[in-house]
Amino acid sequence: IKEVPEFFAARLFSLFVEEGGLWLFVDKMGFDE
């Protein structure tokens, strides 16, 4: 009850960092080139 929500919440935070970074690099900075 302690570990699972904390683990997923921390990983969810890093997912938002990754999703935001992907969007920035691919959609805004044109990394597909």
PDB file of all heavy atoms in Angstrom:
ATOM      1  N   ILE A   1       0.835  -1.207   0.000  1.00  0.00           N
ATOM      2  CA  ILE A   1       0.000   0.000   0.000  1.00  0.00           C
ATOM      3  C   ILE A   1       0.869   1.257   0.000  1.00  0.00           C
ATOM      4  O   ILE A   1       0.486   2.287  -0.547  1.00  0.00           O
ATOM      5  CB  ILE A   1      -0.984  -0.017   1.195  1.00  0.00           C
ATOM      6  CG1 ILE A   1      -2.082  -1.043   0.919  1.00  0.00           C
ATOM      7  CG2 ILE A   1      -1.554   1.357   1.478  1.00  0.00           C
ATOM      8  CD1 ILE A   1      -2.977  -1.332   2.115  1.00  0.00           C
ATOM      9  N   LYS A   2       2.055   1.172   0.586  1.00  0.00           N
ATOM     10  CA  LYS A   2       2.981   2.301   0.581  1.00  0.00           C
ATOM     11  C   LYS A   2       3.800   2.327  -0.717  1.00  0.00           C
ATOM     12  O   LYS A   2       3.872   3.353  -1.388  1.00  0.00           O
ATOM     13  CB  LYS A   2       3.922   2.211   1.782  1.00  0.00           C
ATOM     14  CG  LYS A   2       5.005   3.282   1.786  1.00  0.00           C
ATOM     15  CD  LYS A   2       6.113   2.949   2.773  1.00  0.00           C
ATOM     16  CE  LYS A   2       7.241   3.919   2.762  1.00  0.00           C
ATOM     17  NZ  LYS A   2       8.041   3.962   1.545  1.00  0.00           N
ATOM     18  N   GLU A   3       4.409   1.201  -1.060  1.00  0.00           N
ATOM     19  CA  GLU A   3       5.364   1.163  -2.162  1.00  0.00           C
ATOM     20  C   GLU A   3       4.745   1.366  -3.544  1.00  0.00           C
ATOM     21  O   GLU A   3       5.266   2.142  -4.344  1.00  0.00           O
ATOM     22  CB  GLU A   3       6.115  -0.172  -2.174  1.00  0.00           C
ATOM     23  CG  GLU A   3       7.140  -0.328  -1.111  1.00  0.00           C
ATOM     24  CD  GLU A   3       7.817  -1.686  -1.170  1.00  0.00           C
ATOM     25  OE1 GLU A   3       7.390  -2.558  -1.962  1.00  0.00           O
ATOM     26  OE2 GLU A   3       8.779  -1.876  -0.414  1.00  0.00           O
ATOM     27  N   VAL A   4       3.686   0.631  -3.838  1.00  0.00           N
ATOM     28  CA  VAL A   4       3.139   0.646  -5.198  1.00  0.00           C
ATOM     29  C   VAL A   4       2.694   2.044  -5.627  1.00  0.00           C
ATOM     30  O   VAL A   4       3.121   2.525  -6.687  1.00  0.00           O
ATOM     31  CB  VAL A   4       2.023  -0.408  -5.373  1.00  0.00           C
ATOM     32  CG1 VAL A   4       1.313  -0.260  -6.705  1.00  0.00           C
ATOM     33  CG2 VAL A   4       2.602  -1.817  -5.242  1.00  0.00           C
ATOM     34  N   PRO A   5       1.869   2.742  -4.830  1.00  0.00           N
ATOM     35  CA  PRO A   5       1.481   4.098  -5.267  1.00  0.00           C
ATOM     36  C   PRO A   5       2.673   5.057  -5.379  1.00  0.00           C
ATOM     37  O   PRO A   5       2.735   5.861  -6.303  1.00  0.00           O
ATOM     38  CB  PRO A   5       0.509   4.569  -4.184  1.00  0.00           C
ATOM     39  CG  PRO A   5       0.033   3.337  -3.515  1.00  0.00           C
ATOM     40  CD  PRO A   5       1.145   2.346  -3.616  1.00  0.00           C
ATOM     41  N   GLU A   6       3.617   4.964  -4.440  1.00  0.00           N
ATOM     42  CA  GLU A   6       4.795   5.834  -4.504  1.00  0.00           C
ATOM     43  C   GLU A   6       5.619   5.538  -5.747  1.00  0.00           C
ATOM     44  O   GLU A   6       6.103   6.444  -6.428  1.00  0.00           O
ATOM     45  CB  GLU A   6       5.661   5.675  -3.249  1.00  0.00           C
ATOM     46  CG  GLU A   6       5.081   6.326  -2.022  1.00  0.00           C
ATOM     47  CD  GLU A   6       5.969   6.162  -0.797  1.00  0.00           C
ATOM     48  OE1 GLU A   6       6.985   5.425  -0.843  1.00  0.00           O
ATOM     49  OE2 GLU A   6       5.646   6.774   0.239  1.00  0.00           O
ATOM     50  N   PHE A   7       5.811   4.238  -6.043  1.00  0.00           N
ATOM     51  CA  PHE A   7       6.608   3.839  -7.199  1.00  0.00           C
ATOM     52  C   PHE A   7       5.957   4.343  -8.482  1.00  0.00           C
ATOM     53  O   PHE A   7       6.606   4.959  -9.332  1.00  0.00           O
ATOM     54  CB  PHE A   7       6.775   2.317  -7.234  1.00  0.00           C
ATOM     55  CG  PHE A   7       7.822   1.849  -8.204  1.00  0.00           C
ATOM     56  CD1 PHE A   7       9.154   1.817  -7.841  1.00  0.00           C
ATOM     57  CD2 PHE A   7       7.475   1.439  -9.488  1.00  0.00           C
ATOM     58  CE1 PHE A   7      10.123   1.386  -8.728  1.00  0.00           C
ATOM     59  CE2 PHE A   7       8.436   1.006 -10.376  1.00  0.00           C
ATOM     60  CZ  PHE A   7       9.768   0.982 -10.006  1.00  0.00           C
ATOM     61  N   PHE A   8       4.653   4.084  -8.616  1.00  0.00           N
ATOM     62  CA  PHE A   8       3.953   4.512  -9.829  1.00  0.00           C
ATOM     63  C   PHE A   8       3.880   6.038  -9.926  1.00  0.00           C
ATOM     64  O   PHE A   8       4.000   6.589 -11.023  1.00  0.00           O
ATOM     65  CB  PHE A   8       2.571   3.872  -9.927  1.00  0.00           C
ATOM     66  CG  PHE A   8       2.594   2.538 -10.602  1.00  0.00           C
ATOM     67  CD1 PHE A   8       2.948   1.391  -9.903  1.00  0.00           C
ATOM     68  CD2 PHE A   8       2.289   2.413 -11.951  1.00  0.00           C
ATOM     69  CE1 PHE A   8       2.991   0.155 -10.525  1.00  0.00           C
ATOM     70  CE2 PHE A   8       2.334   1.175 -12.587  1.00  0.00           C
ATOM     71  CZ  PHE A   8       2.682   0.045 -11.878  1.00  0.00           C
ATOM     72  N   ALA A   9       3.718   6.729  -8.809  1.00  0.00           N
ATOM     73  CA  ALA A   9       3.673   8.198  -8.831  1.00  0.00           C
ATOM     74  C   ALA A   9       5.018   8.772  -9.283  1.00  0.00           C
ATOM     75  O   ALA A   9       5.065   9.695 -10.107  1.00  0.00           O
ATOM     76  CB  ALA A   9       3.290   8.745  -7.458  1.00  0.00           C
ATOM     77  N   ALA A  10       6.109   8.220  -8.751  1.00  0.00           N
ATOM     78  CA  ALA A  10       7.440   8.685  -9.153  1.00  0.00           C
ATOM     79  C   ALA A  10       7.676   8.398 -10.627  1.00  0.00           C
ATOM     80  O   ALA A  10       8.192   9.249 -11.364  1.00  0.00           O
ATOM     81  CB  ALA A  10       8.514   8.014  -8.297  1.00  0.00           C
ATOM     82  N   ARG A  11       7.299   7.211 -11.062  1.00  0.00           N
ATOM     83  CA  ARG A  11       7.470   6.853 -12.471  1.00  0.00           C
ATOM     84  C   ARG A  11       6.535   7.670 -13.359  1.00  0.00           C
ATOM     85  O   ARG A  11       6.880   7.978 -14.494  1.00  0.00           O
ATOM     86  CB  ARG A  11       7.263   5.353 -12.683  1.00  0.00           C
ATOM     87  CG  ARG A  11       8.293   4.464 -11.984  1.00  0.00           C
ATOM     88  CD  ARG A  11       9.699   4.735 -12.492  1.00  0.00           C
ATOM     89  NE  ARG A  11      10.712   4.138 -11.667  1.00  0.00           N
ATOM     90  CZ  ARG A  11      11.514   3.153 -12.059  1.00  0.00           C
ATOM     91  NH1 ARG A  11      11.425   2.661 -13.255  1.00  0.00           N
ATOM     92  NH2 ARG A  11      12.425   2.691 -11.237  1.00  0.00           N
ATOM     93  N   LEU A  12       5.380   8.027 -12.853  1.00  0.00           N
ATOM     94  CA  LEU A  12       4.458   8.869 -13.607  1.00  0.00           C
ATOM     95  C   LEU A  12       5.078  10.257 -13.815  1.00  0.00           C
ATOM     96  O   LEU A  12       4.987  10.831 -14.907  1.00  0.00           O
ATOM     97  CB  LEU A  12       3.122   8.972 -12.883  1.00  0.00           C
ATOM     98  CG  LEU A  12       1.951   9.545 -13.658  1.00  0.00           C
ATOM     99  CD1 LEU A  12       1.676   8.757 -14.924  1.00  0.00           C
ATOM    100  CD2 LEU A  12       0.704   9.550 -12.778  1.00  0.00           C
ATOM    101  N   PHE A  13       5.733  10.764 -12.775  1.00  0.00           N
ATOM    102  CA  PHE A  13       6.428  12.044 -12.910  1.00  0.00           C
ATOM    103  C   PHE A  13       7.493  11.954 -14.003  1.00  0.00           C
ATOM    104  O   PHE A  13       7.584  12.836 -14.867  1.00  0.00           O
ATOM    105  CB  PHE A  13       7.063  12.461 -11.575  1.00  0.00           C
ATOM    106  CG  PHE A  13       7.891  13.711 -11.686  1.00  0.00           C
ATOM    107  CD1 PHE A  13       7.283  14.952 -11.758  1.00  0.00           C
ATOM    108  CD2 PHE A  13       9.274  13.637 -11.735  1.00  0.00           C
ATOM    109  CE1 PHE A  13       8.045  16.114 -11.881  1.00  0.00           C
ATOM    110  CE2 PHE A  13      10.044  14.787 -11.852  1.00  0.00           C
ATOM    111  CZ  PHE A  13       9.424  16.024 -11.924  1.00  0.00           C
ATOM    112  N   SER A  14       8.292  10.894 -13.976  1.00  0.00           N
ATOM    113  CA  SER A  14       9.339  10.772 -14.991  1.00  0.00           C
ATOM    114  C   SER A  14       8.732  10.522 -16.376  1.00  0.00           C
ATOM    115  O   SER A  14       9.311  10.911 -17.390  1.00  0.00           O
ATOM    116  CB  SER A  14      10.375   9.707 -14.617  1.00  0.00           C
ATOM    117  OG  SER A  14       9.807   8.432 -14.539  1.00  0.00           O
ATOM    118  N   LEU A  15       7.557   9.893 -16.439  1.00  0.00           N
ATOM    119  CA  LEU A  15       6.861   9.736 -17.723  1.00  0.00           C
ATOM    120  C   LEU A  15       6.483  11.109 -18.280  1.00  0.00           C
ATOM    121  O   LEU A  15       6.655  11.369 -19.477  1.00  0.00           O
ATOM    122  CB  LEU A  15       5.607   8.872 -17.576  1.00  0.00           C
ATOM    123  CG  LEU A  15       4.707   8.822 -18.818  1.00  0.00           C
ATOM    124  CD1 LEU A  15       5.401   8.097 -19.973  1.00  0.00           C
ATOM    125  CD2 LEU A  15       3.386   8.155 -18.483  1.00  0.00           C
ATOM    126  N   PHE A  16       5.976  12.009 -17.423  1.00  0.00           N
ATOM    127  CA  PHE A  16       5.634  13.355 -17.886  1.00  0.00           C
ATOM    128  C   PHE A  16       6.876  14.092 -18.390  1.00  0.00           C
ATOM    129  O   PHE A  16       6.811  14.806 -19.394  1.00  0.00           O
ATOM    130  CB  PHE A  16       4.932  14.157 -16.793  1.00  0.00           C
ATOM    131  CG  PHE A  16       3.521  13.723 -16.541  1.00  0.00           C
ATOM    132  CD1 PHE A  16       3.088  13.461 -15.254  1.00  0.00           C
ATOM    133  CD2 PHE A  16       2.618  13.562 -17.582  1.00  0.00           C
ATOM    134  CE1 PHE A  16       1.780  13.059 -15.016  1.00  0.00           C
ATOM    135  CE2 PHE A  16       1.310  13.165 -17.360  1.00  0.00           C
ATOM    136  CZ  PHE A  16       0.884  12.911 -16.064  1.00  0.00           C
ATOM    137  N   VAL A  17       8.002  13.893 -17.717  1.00  0.00           N
ATOM    138  CA  VAL A  17       9.257  14.487 -18.183  1.00  0.00           C
ATOM    139  C   VAL A  17       9.587  13.930 -19.571  1.00  0.00           C
ATOM    140  O   VAL A  17       9.924  14.679 -20.497  1.00  0.00           O
ATOM    141  CB  VAL A  17      10.413  14.217 -17.188  1.00  0.00           C
ATOM    142  CG1 VAL A  17      11.758  14.594 -17.790  1.00  0.00           C
ATOM    143  CG2 VAL A  17      10.170  14.954 -15.875  1.00  0.00           C
ATOM    144  N   GLU A  18       9.461  12.611 -19.725  1.00  0.00           N
ATOM    145  CA  GLU A  18       9.781  11.972 -21.007  1.00  0.00           C
ATOM    146  C   GLU A  18       8.784  12.380 -22.100  1.00  0.00           C
ATOM    147  O   GLU A  18       9.188  12.712 -23.215  1.00  0.00           O
ATOM    148  CB  GLU A  18       9.798  10.449 -20.847  1.00  0.00           C
ATOM    149  CG  GLU A  18      10.204   9.731 -22.110  1.00  0.00           C
ATOM    150  CD  GLU A  18      10.324   8.235 -21.923  1.00  0.00           C
ATOM    151  OE1 GLU A  18       9.538   7.657 -21.138  1.00  0.00           O
ATOM    152  OE2 GLU A  18      11.193   7.655 -22.571  1.00  0.00           O
ATOM    153  N   GLU A  19       7.496  12.352 -21.798  1.00  0.00           N
ATOM    154  CA  GLU A  19       6.482  12.736 -22.789  1.00  0.00           C
ATOM    155  C   GLU A  19       6.687  14.188 -23.225  1.00  0.00           C
ATOM    156  O   GLU A  19       6.630  14.496 -24.413  1.00  0.00           O
ATOM    157  CB  GLU A  19       5.070  12.572 -22.210  1.00  0.00           C
ATOM    158  CG  GLU A  19       4.605  11.138 -22.116  1.00  0.00           C
ATOM    159  CD  GLU A  19       4.114  10.578 -23.436  1.00  0.00           C
ATOM    160  OE1 GLU A  19       3.012  10.926 -23.888  1.00  0.00           O
ATOM    161  OE2 GLU A  19       4.854   9.769 -24.026  1.00  0.00           O
ATOM    162  N   GLY A  20       6.912  15.065 -22.260  1.00  0.00           N
ATOM    163  CA  GLY A  20       7.160  16.470 -22.593  1.00  0.00           C
ATOM    164  C   GLY A  20       8.416  16.634 -23.434  1.00  0.00           C
ATOM    165  O   GLY A  20       8.444  17.414 -24.391  1.00  0.00           O
ATOM    166  N   GLY A  21       9.443  15.878 -23.079  1.00  0.00           N
ATOM    167  CA  GLY A  21      10.694  15.926 -23.845  1.00  0.00           C
ATOM    168  C   GLY A  21      10.517  15.393 -25.256  1.00  0.00           C
ATOM    169  O   GLY A  21      11.039  15.965 -26.220  1.00  0.00           O
ATOM    170  N   LEU A  22       9.778  14.280 -25.396  1.00  0.00           N
ATOM    171  CA  LEU A  22       9.510  13.737 -26.733  1.00  0.00           C
ATOM    172  C   LEU A  22       8.749  14.752 -27.582  1.00  0.00           C
ATOM    173  O   LEU A  22       9.100  14.990 -28.740  1.00  0.00           O
ATOM    174  CB  LEU A  22       8.714  12.431 -26.639  1.00  0.00           C
ATOM    175  CG  LEU A  22       9.485  11.175 -26.305  1.00  0.00           C
ATOM    176  CD1 LEU A  22       8.533  10.012 -26.076  1.00  0.00           C
ATOM    177  CD2 LEU A  22      10.475  10.834 -27.406  1.00  0.00           C
ATOM    178  N   TRP A  23       7.709  15.314 -27.008  1.00  0.00           N
ATOM    179  CA  TRP A  23       6.929  16.312 -27.735  1.00  0.00           C
ATOM    180  C   TRP A  23       7.815  17.484 -28.160  1.00  0.00           C
ATOM    181  O   TRP A  23       7.767  17.937 -29.304  1.00  0.00           O
ATOM    182  CB  TRP A  23       5.770  16.793 -26.848  1.00  0.00           C
ATOM    183  CG  TRP A  23       5.027  17.948 -27.426  1.00  0.00           C
ATOM    184  CD1 TRP A  23       4.079  17.911 -28.405  1.00  0.00           C
ATOM    185  CD2 TRP A  23       5.199  19.318 -27.072  1.00  0.00           C
ATOM    186  NE1 TRP A  23       3.647  19.195 -28.680  1.00  0.00           N
ATOM    187  CE2 TRP A  23       4.320  20.072 -27.869  1.00  0.00           C
ATOM    188  CE3 TRP A  23       6.001  19.983 -26.152  1.00  0.00           C
ATOM    189  CZ2 TRP A  23       4.228  21.450 -27.771  1.00  0.00           C
ATOM    190  CZ3 TRP A  23       5.907  21.354 -26.059  1.00  0.00           C
ATOM    191  CH2 TRP A  23       5.023  22.072 -26.861  1.00  0.00           C
ATOM    192  N   LEU A  24       8.648  17.960 -27.229  1.00  0.00           N
ATOM    193  CA  LEU A  24       9.535  19.082 -27.523  1.00  0.00           C
ATOM    194  C   LEU A  24      10.522  18.729 -28.638  1.00  0.00           C
ATOM    195  O   LEU A  24      10.651  19.455 -29.627  1.00  0.00           O
ATOM    196  CB  LEU A  24      10.289  19.503 -26.253  1.00  0.00           C
ATOM    197  CG  LEU A  24      11.251  20.672 -26.404  1.00  0.00           C
ATOM    198  CD1 LEU A  24      10.482  21.960 -26.673  1.00  0.00           C
ATOM    199  CD2 LEU A  24      12.088  20.817 -25.130  1.00  0.00           C
ATOM    200  N   PHE A  25      11.227  17.587 -28.486  1.00  0.00           N
ATOM    201  CA  PHE A  25      12.240  17.199 -29.470  1.00  0.00           C
ATOM    202  C   PHE A  25      11.640  16.861 -30.833  1.00  0.00           C
ATOM    203  O   PHE A  25      12.174  17.251 -31.864  1.00  0.00           O
ATOM    204  CB  PHE A  25      13.062  16.007 -28.974  1.00  0.00           C
ATOM    205  CG  PHE A  25      14.033  16.346 -27.871  1.00  0.00           C
ATOM    206  CD1 PHE A  25      14.238  15.463 -26.834  1.00  0.00           C
ATOM    207  CD2 PHE A  25      14.744  17.536 -27.864  1.00  0.00           C
ATOM    208  CE1 PHE A  25      15.127  15.756 -25.806  1.00  0.00           C
ATOM    209  CE2 PHE A  25      15.640  17.838 -26.852  1.00  0.00           C
ATOM    210  CZ  PHE A  25      15.835  16.936 -25.820  1.00  0.00           C
ATOM    211  N   VAL A  26      10.541  16.107 -30.832  1.00  0.00           N
ATOM    212  CA  VAL A  26       9.975  15.627 -32.100  1.00  0.00           C
ATOM    213  C   VAL A  26       9.093  16.690 -32.758  1.00  0.00           C
ATOM    214  O   VAL A  26       9.304  17.047 -33.919  1.00  0.00           O
ATOM    215  CB  VAL A  26       9.195  14.307 -31.884  1.00  0.00           C
ATOM    216  CG1 VAL A  26       8.492  13.880 -33.162  1.00  0.00           C
ATOM    217  CG2 VAL A  26      10.138  13.207 -31.397  1.00  0.00           C
ATOM    218  N   ASP A  27       8.115  17.181 -32.030  1.00  0.00           N
ATOM    219  CA  ASP A  27       7.144  18.090 -32.643  1.00  0.00           C
ATOM    220  C   ASP A  27       7.651  19.529 -32.767  1.00  0.00           C
ATOM    221  O   ASP A  27       7.285  20.231 -33.709  1.00  0.00           O
ATOM    222  CB  ASP A  27       5.833  18.093 -31.854  1.00  0.00           C
ATOM    223  CG  ASP A  27       5.081  16.783 -31.984  1.00  0.00           C
ATOM    224  OD1 ASP A  27       5.403  15.993 -32.893  1.00  0.00           O
ATOM    225  OD2 ASP A  27       4.168  16.536 -31.176  1.00  0.00           O
ATOM    226  N   LYS A  28       8.446  19.972 -31.840  1.00  0.00           N
ATOM    227  CA  LYS A  28       8.877  21.371 -31.860  1.00  0.00           C
ATOM    228  C   LYS A  28      10.281  21.569 -32.434  1.00  0.00           C
ATOM    229  O   LYS A  28      10.567  22.588 -33.030  1.00  0.00           O
ATOM    230  CB  LYS A  28       8.808  21.983 -30.448  1.00  0.00           C
ATOM    231  CG  LYS A  28       7.387  22.048 -29.903  1.00  0.00           C
ATOM    232  CD  LYS A  28       6.538  22.903 -30.804  1.00  0.00           C
ATOM    233  CE  LYS A  28       5.088  22.896 -30.411  1.00  0.00           C
ATOM    234  NZ  LYS A  28       4.239  23.544 -31.401  1.00  0.00           N
ATOM    235  N   MET A  29      11.169  20.596 -32.222  1.00  0.00           N
ATOM    236  CA  MET A  29      12.550  20.760 -32.681  1.00  0.00           C
ATOM    237  C   MET A  29      12.859  19.936 -33.935  1.00  0.00           C
ATOM    238  O   MET A  29      13.982  19.982 -34.430  1.00  0.00           O
ATOM    239  CB  MET A  29      13.519  20.414 -31.541  1.00  0.00           C
ATOM    240  CG  MET A  29      13.391  21.354 -30.353  1.00  0.00           C
ATOM    241  SD  MET A  29      14.400  20.870 -28.935  1.00  0.00           S
ATOM    242  CE  MET A  29      16.041  21.103 -29.567  1.00  0.00           C
ATOM    243  N   GLY A  30      11.893  19.143 -34.420  1.00  0.00           N
ATOM    244  CA  GLY A  30      12.057  18.418 -35.673  1.00  0.00           C
ATOM    245  C   GLY A  30      13.067  17.287 -35.671  1.00  0.00           C
ATOM    246  O   GLY A  30      13.777  17.073 -36.653  1.00  0.00           O
ATOM    247  N   PHE A  31      13.139  16.526 -34.589  1.00  0.00           N
ATOM    248  CA  PHE A  31      14.109  15.439 -34.501  1.00  0.00           C
ATOM    249  C   PHE A  31      13.916  14.350 -35.558  1.00  0.00           C
ATOM    250  O   PHE A  31      14.828  13.580 -35.811  1.00  0.00           O
ATOM    251  CB  PHE A  31      14.083  14.808 -33.102  1.00  0.00           C
ATOM    252  CG  PHE A  31      15.193  15.268 -32.199  1.00  0.00           C
ATOM    253  CD1 PHE A  31      15.392  16.619 -31.969  1.00  0.00           C
ATOM    254  CD2 PHE A  31      16.032  14.367 -31.580  1.00  0.00           C
ATOM    255  CE1 PHE A  31      16.396  17.066 -31.137  1.00  0.00           C
ATOM    256  CE2 PHE A  31      17.044  14.789 -30.748  1.00  0.00           C
ATOM    257  CZ  PHE A  31      17.235  16.151 -30.524  1.00  0.00           C
ATOM    258  N   ASP A  32      12.742  14.265 -36.171  1.00  0.00           N
ATOM    259  CA  ASP A  32      12.529  13.228 -37.190  1.00  0.00           C
ATOM    260  C   ASP A  32      13.448  13.398 -38.396  1.00  0.00           C
ATOM    261  O   ASP A  32      13.628  12.483 -39.182  1.00  0.00           O
ATOM    262  CB  ASP A  32      11.065  13.190 -37.631  1.00  0.00           C
ATOM    263  CG  ASP A  32      10.236  12.264 -36.763  1.00  0.00           C
ATOM    264  OD1 ASP A  32      10.826  11.403 -36.075  1.00  0.00           O
ATOM    265  OD2 ASP A  32       9.009  12.401 -36.774  1.00  0.00           O
ATOM    266  N   GLU A  33      14.036  14.554 -38.554  1.00  0.00           N
ATOM    267  CA  GLU A  33      14.991  14.785 -39.637  1.00  0.00           C
ATOM    268  C   GLU A  33      16.283  13.991 -39.431  1.00  0.00           C
ATOM    269  O   GLU A  33      17.073  13.853 -40.366  1.00  0.00           O
ATOM    270  CB  GLU A  33      15.332  16.274 -39.723  1.00  0.00           C
ATOM    271  CG  GLU A  33      14.148  17.148 -40.071  1.00  0.00           C
ATOM    272  CD  GLU A  33      14.492  18.628 -40.003  1.00  0.00           C
ATOM    273  OE1 GLU A  33      15.695  18.981 -40.003  1.00  0.00           O
ATOM    274  OE2 GLU A  33      13.551  19.430 -39.933  1.00  0.00           O
TER     275      GLU A  33
END
